Structures are given as structure tokens and as C-alpha cells.
Amino acid sequence: MLTRTEASRRFRLMPSRIGELVVRGNRDTVFSSLDSEVVELPAEYRSHGGFAEAKVPLVIHNAAQAPGAAFFRSNVDLARWLFASA
């Protein structure tokens, strides 16, 4: 479990967009049991994918001025580069 401040620093999140606590689990962690496979949740409920879903390949084609792969640590780096070079 991480506080809002810890999570925002570690995962490069906007503190105003996350709750007071961030709870993490691994592939063997279950936070609760369910009565069915589908649960209706309130509209304001937010959930995000795990670390395995965070690794998405980035392919840049025909961009001679593109920085090296180490520049792109997250999708915000890609967006900044795209807007700066537009």
C-alpha cells in the first residue's frame, strides 16, 4: 500500500487524480471474493491494469529525429516528443 504522495512519485501520476491510498497486488493476490464474475460498480469507481499491462511496445518508423529508446520511459514522454516536434 502506498500513500497518494508515494504513488504519485513512484508511478509518475497526478496526485489530484488518485485516491488517498494505492493498493497493489501480484498475480496471486485477491482483495475480496465475488458472488459472480460481473459486478456493477459506481460510475466514479476507477481501476487500472497491472504492471504486466504497462509494458506496451513502441515502434517509431521513419523518424530520423527521434530520440533514443531510453528517452521514452512512459507514454507522457512520447506525447511530449510528438507535440514538441509538430
C-alpha atoms as a PDB file:
ATOM      1  CA  MET A   1       0.000   0.000   0.000  1.00  0.00           C
ATOM      2  CA  LEU A   2       1.267   3.458  -0.900  1.00  0.00           C
ATOM      3  CA  THR A   3       0.110   6.914   0.082  1.00  0.00           C
ATOM      4  CA  ARG A   4      -1.052   9.335  -2.596  1.00  0.00           C
ATOM      5  CA  THR A   5       2.290  11.160  -2.415  1.00  0.00           C
ATOM      6  CA  GLU A   6       4.350   7.958  -2.632  1.00  0.00           C
ATOM      7  CA  ALA A   7       2.310   6.591  -5.540  1.00  0.00           C
ATOM      8  CA  SER A   8       2.379   9.848  -7.496  1.00  0.00           C
ATOM      9  CA  ARG A   9       6.177   9.997  -7.263  1.00  0.00           C
ATOM     10  CA  ARG A  10       6.818   6.322  -7.954  1.00  0.00           C
ATOM     11  CA  PHE A  11       4.395   5.942 -10.869  1.00  0.00           C
ATOM     12  CA  ARG A  12       4.527   9.497 -12.227  1.00  0.00           C
ATOM     13  CA  LEU A  13       0.833  10.118 -11.506  1.00  0.00           C
ATOM     14  CA  MET A  14      -1.033  13.349 -10.907  1.00  0.00           C
ATOM     15  CA  PRO A  15      -1.830  13.365  -7.152  1.00  0.00           C
ATOM     16  CA  SER A  16      -5.142  15.104  -7.769  1.00  0.00           C
ATOM     17  CA  ARG A  17      -6.290  12.199  -9.945  1.00  0.00           C
ATOM     18  CA  ILE A  18      -5.754   9.353  -7.451  1.00  0.00           C
ATOM     19  CA  GLY A  19      -7.223   8.428  -4.078  1.00  0.00           C
ATOM     20  CA  GLU A  20      -5.613   8.723  -0.673  1.00  0.00           C
ATOM     21  CA  LEU A  21      -4.138   5.232  -0.904  1.00  0.00           C
ATOM     22  CA  VAL A  22      -2.941   2.982  -3.724  1.00  0.00           C
ATOM     23  CA  VAL A  23      -3.154  -0.748  -3.079  1.00  0.00           C
ATOM     24  CA  ARG A  24      -1.135  -3.129  -5.218  1.00  0.00           C
ATOM     25  CA  GLY A  25      -1.200  -6.866  -5.589  1.00  0.00           C
ATOM     26  CA  ASN A  26       0.551  -9.530  -7.588  1.00  0.00           C
ATOM     27  CA  ARG A  27      -0.930 -12.218  -9.835  1.00  0.00           C
ATOM     28  CA  ASP A  28      -1.761 -14.377  -6.806  1.00  0.00           C
ATOM     29  CA  THR A  29      -3.421 -11.614  -4.761  1.00  0.00           C
ATOM     30  CA  VAL A  30      -7.170 -11.408  -4.326  1.00  0.00           C
ATOM     31  CA  PHE A  31      -8.580  -8.424  -2.472  1.00  0.00           C
ATOM     32  CA  SER A  32     -12.031  -9.856  -1.989  1.00  0.00           C
ATOM     33  CA  SER A  33     -14.270 -12.698  -3.040  1.00  0.00           C
ATOM     34  CA  LEU A  34     -17.088 -12.147  -5.520  1.00  0.00           C
ATOM     35  CA  ASP A  35     -20.508 -13.727  -5.738  1.00  0.00           C
ATOM     36  CA  SER A  36     -20.382 -13.583  -9.546  1.00  0.00           C
ATOM     37  CA  GLU A  37     -17.954 -12.819 -12.375  1.00  0.00           C
ATOM     38  CA  VAL A  38     -19.606  -9.465 -13.124  1.00  0.00           C
ATOM     39  CA  VAL A  39     -20.114  -6.719 -10.555  1.00  0.00           C
ATOM     40  CA  GLU A  40     -21.880  -3.403 -11.134  1.00  0.00           C
ATOM     41  CA  LEU A  41     -19.658  -0.596  -9.852  1.00  0.00           C
ATOM     42  CA  PRO A  42     -20.397   3.086  -9.269  1.00  0.00           C
ATOM     43  CA  ALA A  43     -19.567   5.373 -12.213  1.00  0.00           C
ATOM     44  CA  GLU A  44     -16.817   7.119 -10.233  1.00  0.00           C
ATOM     45  CA  TYR A  45     -15.003   3.843  -9.473  1.00  0.00           C
ATOM     46  CA  ARG A  46     -11.570   3.715 -11.104  1.00  0.00           C
ATOM     47  CA  SER A  47      -9.315   0.739 -11.578  1.00  0.00           C
ATOM     48  CA  HIS A  48      -6.161   0.372 -13.605  1.00  0.00           C
ATOM     49  CA  GLY A  49      -4.263  -2.541 -15.063  1.00  0.00           C
ATOM     50  CA  GLY A  50      -1.268  -4.242 -13.560  1.00  0.00           C
ATOM     51  CA  PHE A  51       2.422  -3.853 -14.277  1.00  0.00           C
ATOM     52  CA  ALA A  52       2.321  -6.563 -16.952  1.00  0.00           C
ATOM     53  CA  GLU A  53      -0.153  -4.424 -18.913  1.00  0.00           C
ATOM     54  CA  ALA A  54       2.088  -1.357 -18.646  1.00  0.00           C
ATOM     55  CA  LYS A  55       4.729  -2.709 -20.998  1.00  0.00           C
ATOM     56  CA  VAL A  56       3.493  -1.814 -24.458  1.00  0.00           C
ATOM     57  CA  PRO A  57       5.898  -1.894 -27.386  1.00  0.00           C
ATOM     58  CA  LEU A  58       6.601   1.441 -29.029  1.00  0.00           C
ATOM     59  CA  VAL A  59       7.520   1.423 -32.706  1.00  0.00           C
ATOM     60  CA  ILE A  60       8.594   4.658 -34.377  1.00  0.00           C
ATOM     61  CA  HIS A  61       9.006   4.374 -38.126  1.00  0.00           C
ATOM     62  CA  ASN A  62      10.685   6.809 -40.500  1.00  0.00           C
ATOM     63  CA  ALA A  63      11.512   9.415 -37.840  1.00  0.00           C
ATOM     64  CA  ALA A  64      15.150  10.379 -38.287  1.00  0.00           C
ATOM     65  CA  GLN A  65      14.990  12.966 -35.489  1.00  0.00           C
ATOM     66  CA  ALA A  66      13.531  10.594 -32.888  1.00  0.00           C
ATOM     67  CA  PRO A  67      15.451  10.340 -29.616  1.00  0.00           C
ATOM     68  CA  GLY A  68      16.860   7.013 -28.484  1.00  0.00           C
ATOM     69  CA  ALA A  69      14.734   4.341 -26.833  1.00  0.00           C
ATOM     70  CA  ALA A  70      15.856   5.345 -23.319  1.00  0.00           C
ATOM     71  CA  PHE A  71      14.100   8.723 -23.757  1.00  0.00           C
ATOM     72  CA  PHE A  72      10.646   7.092 -23.765  1.00  0.00           C
ATOM     73  CA  ARG A  73      10.062   5.946 -20.182  1.00  0.00           C
ATOM     74  CA  SER A  74       6.271   6.335 -20.376  1.00  0.00           C
ATOM     75  CA  ASN A  75       3.512   7.452 -22.701  1.00  0.00           C
ATOM     76  CA  VAL A  76       3.809  11.045 -21.485  1.00  0.00           C
ATOM     77  CA  ASP A  77       7.355  11.129 -22.905  1.00  0.00           C
ATOM     78  CA  LEU A  78       6.009  10.080 -26.295  1.00  0.00           C
ATOM     79  CA  ALA A  79       3.287  12.746 -26.182  1.00  0.00           C
ATOM     80  CA  ARG A  80       5.777  15.467 -25.219  1.00  0.00           C
ATOM     81  CA  TRP A  81       8.104  14.489 -28.062  1.00  0.00           C
ATOM     82  CA  LEU A  82       5.275  14.366 -30.596  1.00  0.00           C
ATOM     83  CA  PHE A  83       3.955  17.807 -29.632  1.00  0.00           C
ATOM     84  CA  ALA A  84       7.430  19.367 -29.492  1.00  0.00           C
ATOM     85  CA  SER A  85       8.307  18.109 -32.950  1.00  0.00           C
ATOM     86  CA  ALA A  86       4.980  19.038 -34.574  1.00  0.00           C
END
